Amino acid sequence: LSQQLLQRDDDLTNFSSEKEFIIRHMIEGIIITDENQVIQSMNQSAKQYFNVHDTSTTNRSIHEVIRNTTIQAIITDTLSNQGIHETDLQLTHPKEIFLRIHSVCLLNKNQACMGVLLVCHDVTSLKQLENTRKNFVANVSHELKTPITLIKGFLETLLNGAKDNKKDCAEFLNIIHNHTHRLDLIINDLLSL
């Protein structure tokens, strides 16, 4: 029995060490709090995201370590609603970073909430790609709308009687031709991109 107890103790110690090793080396930021919002664990990634320089964050209030009302609200909400939540958060200090935060209530065997697990994913590069895409679409829309608007305007003018005036008709058709050529070039550029 003594041998078995020692073996179980070793197994628990190894399991705890493995868990801490995994949490410590994860790319995602991990924060674990108890039901009183006291930090039980916080890995290095989370410290970097929230600009925490203290080496010891364990057994300190989340309000003391991370001065961010959104994080505090996420934890409070997760403790209250005992569900899984997803929130996007933009941090600006020391540099701009976008985080997608998943929070879940940690339940004990009686299904009572005994704390919160926050997993923070850095989605800054995704946000930058999204902004680039939005800018690209806006620029393309503008570049396409300009010649289309001009073509449409000159066609309406021709249809409303300008086609009978040979001089105006030739000038307007030439303008329409130039803008359809411009549209063709834009579309070829888009296909190349």
Protein backbone atom coordinates (compact mmCIF):
# COMPACT_ATOMS: atom_id res chain seq x y z
CA LEU A 1 0.00 0.00 0.00
CA SER A 2 2.84 2.35 0.85
CA GLN A 3 4.49 1.54 -2.47
CA GLN A 4 1.25 2.25 -4.35
CA LEU A 5 0.78 5.56 -2.56
CA LEU A 6 4.32 6.61 -3.44
CA GLN A 7 3.74 5.59 -7.05
CA ARG A 8 0.49 7.61 -7.20
CA ASP A 9 2.23 10.58 -5.64
CA ASP A 10 4.97 10.34 -8.28
CA ASP A 11 2.36 10.02 -11.03
CA LEU A 12 0.49 13.10 -9.78
CA THR A 13 3.72 15.07 -9.54
CA ASN A 14 4.70 14.03 -13.07
CA PHE A 15 1.23 14.87 -14.39
CA SER A 16 1.32 18.28 -12.70
CA SER A 17 4.79 18.96 -14.09
CA GLU A 18 3.73 17.92 -17.59
CA LYS A 19 0.63 20.14 -17.38
CA GLU A 20 2.68 23.13 -16.24
CA PHE A 21 5.27 22.47 -18.95
CA ILE A 22 2.58 22.35 -21.65
CA ILE A 23 0.84 25.51 -20.41
CA ARG A 24 4.13 27.37 -20.04
CA HIS A 25 5.21 26.62 -23.62
CA MET A 26 1.93 27.13 -25.45
CA ILE A 27 1.82 29.86 -28.11
CA GLU A 28 -1.66 30.84 -26.95
CA GLY A 29 -1.96 32.90 -23.81
CA ILE A 30 -3.42 30.87 -20.94
CA ILE A 31 -4.89 32.37 -17.78
CA ILE A 32 -6.60 30.29 -15.10
CA THR A 33 -8.42 31.98 -12.24
CA ASP A 34 -10.41 30.66 -9.31
CA GLU A 35 -14.00 31.66 -8.51
CA ASN A 36 -12.72 34.77 -6.70
CA GLN A 37 -10.84 35.93 -9.83
CA VAL A 38 -7.47 35.12 -8.29
CA ILE A 39 -4.89 33.91 -10.82
CA GLN A 40 -3.93 30.27 -10.42
CA SER A 41 -1.79 30.10 -13.54
CA MET A 42 -0.65 32.47 -16.28
CA ASN A 43 1.78 31.46 -19.01
CA GLN A 44 4.48 33.58 -20.62
CA SER A 45 2.45 34.25 -23.78
CA ALA A 46 -0.39 35.77 -21.74
CA LYS A 47 2.13 37.90 -19.84
CA GLN A 48 3.52 39.20 -23.14
CA TYR A 49 0.06 39.94 -24.57
CA PHE A 50 -0.97 41.95 -21.50
CA ASN A 51 2.46 43.51 -20.88
CA VAL A 52 2.91 41.87 -17.46
CA HIS A 53 6.50 42.02 -16.25
CA ASP A 54 6.03 40.43 -12.83
CA THR A 55 7.48 36.95 -12.62
CA SER A 56 4.99 35.84 -9.99
CA THR A 57 1.35 36.32 -10.87
CA THR A 58 -0.01 33.29 -9.02
CA ASN A 59 -2.38 33.96 -6.10
CA ARG A 60 -2.88 37.58 -7.14
CA SER A 61 -6.14 39.17 -8.22
CA ILE A 62 -6.69 39.46 -11.97
CA HIS A 63 -7.61 43.12 -11.33
CA GLU A 64 -4.18 43.74 -9.84
CA VAL A 65 -2.18 42.00 -12.58
CA ILE A 66 -4.15 42.89 -15.72
CA ARG A 67 -5.68 46.35 -15.74
CA ASN A 68 -8.12 45.73 -18.55
CA THR A 69 -11.84 46.12 -17.94
CA THR A 70 -12.75 43.85 -20.86
CA ILE A 71 -10.78 40.92 -19.41
CA GLN A 72 -12.35 41.54 -16.03
CA ALA A 73 -15.82 41.65 -17.61
CA ILE A 74 -15.16 38.42 -19.54
CA ILE A 75 -14.19 36.60 -16.35
CA THR A 76 -17.15 38.00 -14.40
CA ASP A 77 -19.55 37.07 -17.21
CA THR A 78 -18.10 33.56 -17.53
CA LEU A 79 -18.40 32.99 -13.79
CA SER A 80 -22.01 34.22 -13.84
CA ASN A 81 -23.24 32.40 -16.95
CA GLN A 82 -21.05 29.28 -16.72
CA GLY A 83 -20.81 28.95 -20.46
CA ILE A 84 -18.25 29.17 -23.19
CA HIS A 85 -17.64 32.69 -24.48
CA GLU A 86 -15.69 34.13 -27.40
CA THR A 87 -14.61 37.76 -27.49
CA ASP A 88 -12.32 39.84 -29.68
CA LEU A 89 -10.08 42.30 -27.90
CA GLN A 90 -7.80 45.00 -29.26
CA LEU A 91 -4.81 46.00 -27.15
CA THR A 92 -2.72 49.05 -28.00
CA HIS A 93 0.09 48.96 -25.44
CA PRO A 94 3.00 48.36 -25.92
CA LYS A 95 1.99 47.61 -29.53
CA GLU A 96 -1.30 47.07 -31.31
CA ILE A 97 -2.44 43.47 -31.04
CA PHE A 98 -5.75 41.75 -31.68
CA LEU A 99 -6.71 38.80 -29.49
CA ARG A 100 -9.55 36.33 -29.80
CA ILE A 101 -10.33 35.19 -26.28
CA HIS A 102 -12.17 31.99 -25.47
CA SER A 103 -13.33 31.66 -21.89
CA VAL A 104 -14.89 28.69 -20.17
CA CYS A 105 -16.07 28.06 -16.65
CA LEU A 106 -14.13 25.29 -14.89
CA LEU A 107 -16.65 23.02 -13.21
CA ASN A 108 -16.05 20.73 -10.25
CA LYS A 109 -17.67 17.30 -9.90
CA ASN A 110 -20.85 18.96 -8.54
CA GLN A 111 -21.06 21.15 -11.68
CA ALA A 112 -20.31 24.27 -9.64
CA CYS A 113 -18.02 26.86 -11.21
CA MET A 114 -14.64 26.82 -9.48
CA GLY A 115 -12.82 29.17 -11.83
CA VAL A 116 -12.29 30.39 -15.38
CA LEU A 117 -9.94 29.32 -18.15
CA LEU A 118 -9.02 32.01 -20.70
CA VAL A 119 -7.29 31.04 -23.93
CA CYS A 120 -5.98 34.04 -25.89
CA HIS A 121 -5.17 33.62 -29.60
CA ASP A 122 -3.16 36.30 -31.39
CA VAL A 123 -5.18 37.12 -34.52
CA THR A 124 -3.30 40.31 -35.42
CA SER A 125 -2.08 38.95 -38.76
CA LEU A 126 -5.62 37.84 -39.65
CA LYS A 127 -6.97 41.31 -38.85
CA GLN A 128 -4.25 42.90 -40.97
CA LEU A 129 -5.09 40.59 -43.87
CA GLU A 130 -8.77 41.41 -43.44
CA ASN A 131 -8.02 45.15 -43.54
CA THR A 132 -5.84 44.67 -46.62
CA ARG A 133 -8.66 42.76 -48.29
CA LYS A 134 -11.20 45.46 -47.40
CA ASN A 135 -8.92 48.18 -48.78
CA PHE A 136 -8.30 46.15 -51.91
CA VAL A 137 -12.02 45.61 -52.51
CA ALA A 138 -12.74 49.32 -51.89
CA ASN A 139 -10.01 50.37 -54.33
CA VAL A 140 -11.13 47.89 -56.98
CA SER A 141 -14.75 48.99 -56.59
CA HIS A 142 -13.74 52.61 -57.05
CA GLU A 143 -11.55 51.83 -60.07
CA LEU A 144 -14.37 49.85 -61.71
CA LYS A 145 -17.17 52.29 -60.89
CA THR A 146 -15.48 55.31 -62.45
CA PRO A 147 -15.36 54.04 -66.07
CA ILE A 148 -18.73 52.30 -65.72
CA THR A 149 -20.35 55.54 -64.52
CA LEU A 150 -18.83 57.48 -67.42
CA ILE A 151 -19.87 54.85 -69.99
CA LYS A 152 -23.39 54.77 -68.57
CA GLY A 153 -23.66 58.58 -68.60
CA PHE A 154 -22.49 58.95 -72.20
CA LEU A 155 -24.76 56.09 -73.37
CA GLU A 156 -27.77 57.75 -71.71
CA THR A 157 -26.85 61.04 -73.38
CA LEU A 158 -26.63 59.31 -76.75
CA LEU A 159 -29.94 57.55 -76.23
CA ASN A 160 -31.61 60.82 -75.22
CA GLY A 161 -30.92 62.43 -78.60
CA ALA A 162 -27.20 63.16 -78.85
CA LYS A 163 -26.87 60.33 -81.36
CA ASP A 164 -28.43 62.63 -84.00
CA ASN A 165 -25.55 65.11 -83.67
CA LYS A 166 -22.70 63.44 -85.59
CA LYS A 167 -19.93 65.45 -83.92
CA ASP A 168 -21.17 64.75 -80.35
CA CYS A 169 -21.97 61.15 -81.25
CA ALA A 170 -18.43 60.48 -82.51
CA GLU A 171 -16.88 62.17 -79.46
CA PHE A 172 -19.08 60.27 -76.99
CA LEU A 173 -18.46 56.93 -78.73
CA ASN A 174 -14.73 57.61 -78.60
CA ILE A 175 -14.97 58.33 -74.83
CA ILE A 176 -17.00 55.13 -74.32
CA HIS A 177 -14.41 53.18 -76.32
CA ASN A 178 -11.55 54.56 -74.19
CA HIS A 179 -13.31 53.70 -70.92
CA THR A 180 -14.20 50.17 -72.07
CA HIS A 181 -10.53 49.72 -72.92
CA ARG A 182 -9.65 51.04 -69.43
CA LEU A 183 -12.10 48.54 -67.89
CA ASP A 184 -10.50 45.74 -69.88
CA LEU A 185 -7.05 46.72 -68.55
CA ILE A 186 -8.32 46.85 -64.95
CA ILE A 187 -9.90 43.41 -65.26
CA ASN A 188 -6.69 41.97 -66.76
CA ASP A 189 -4.74 43.49 -63.86
CA LEU A 190 -7.16 41.93 -61.41
CA LEU A 191 -6.80 38.55 -63.07
CA SER A 192 -3.02 38.89 -62.86
CA LEU A 193 -3.26 39.78 -59.16
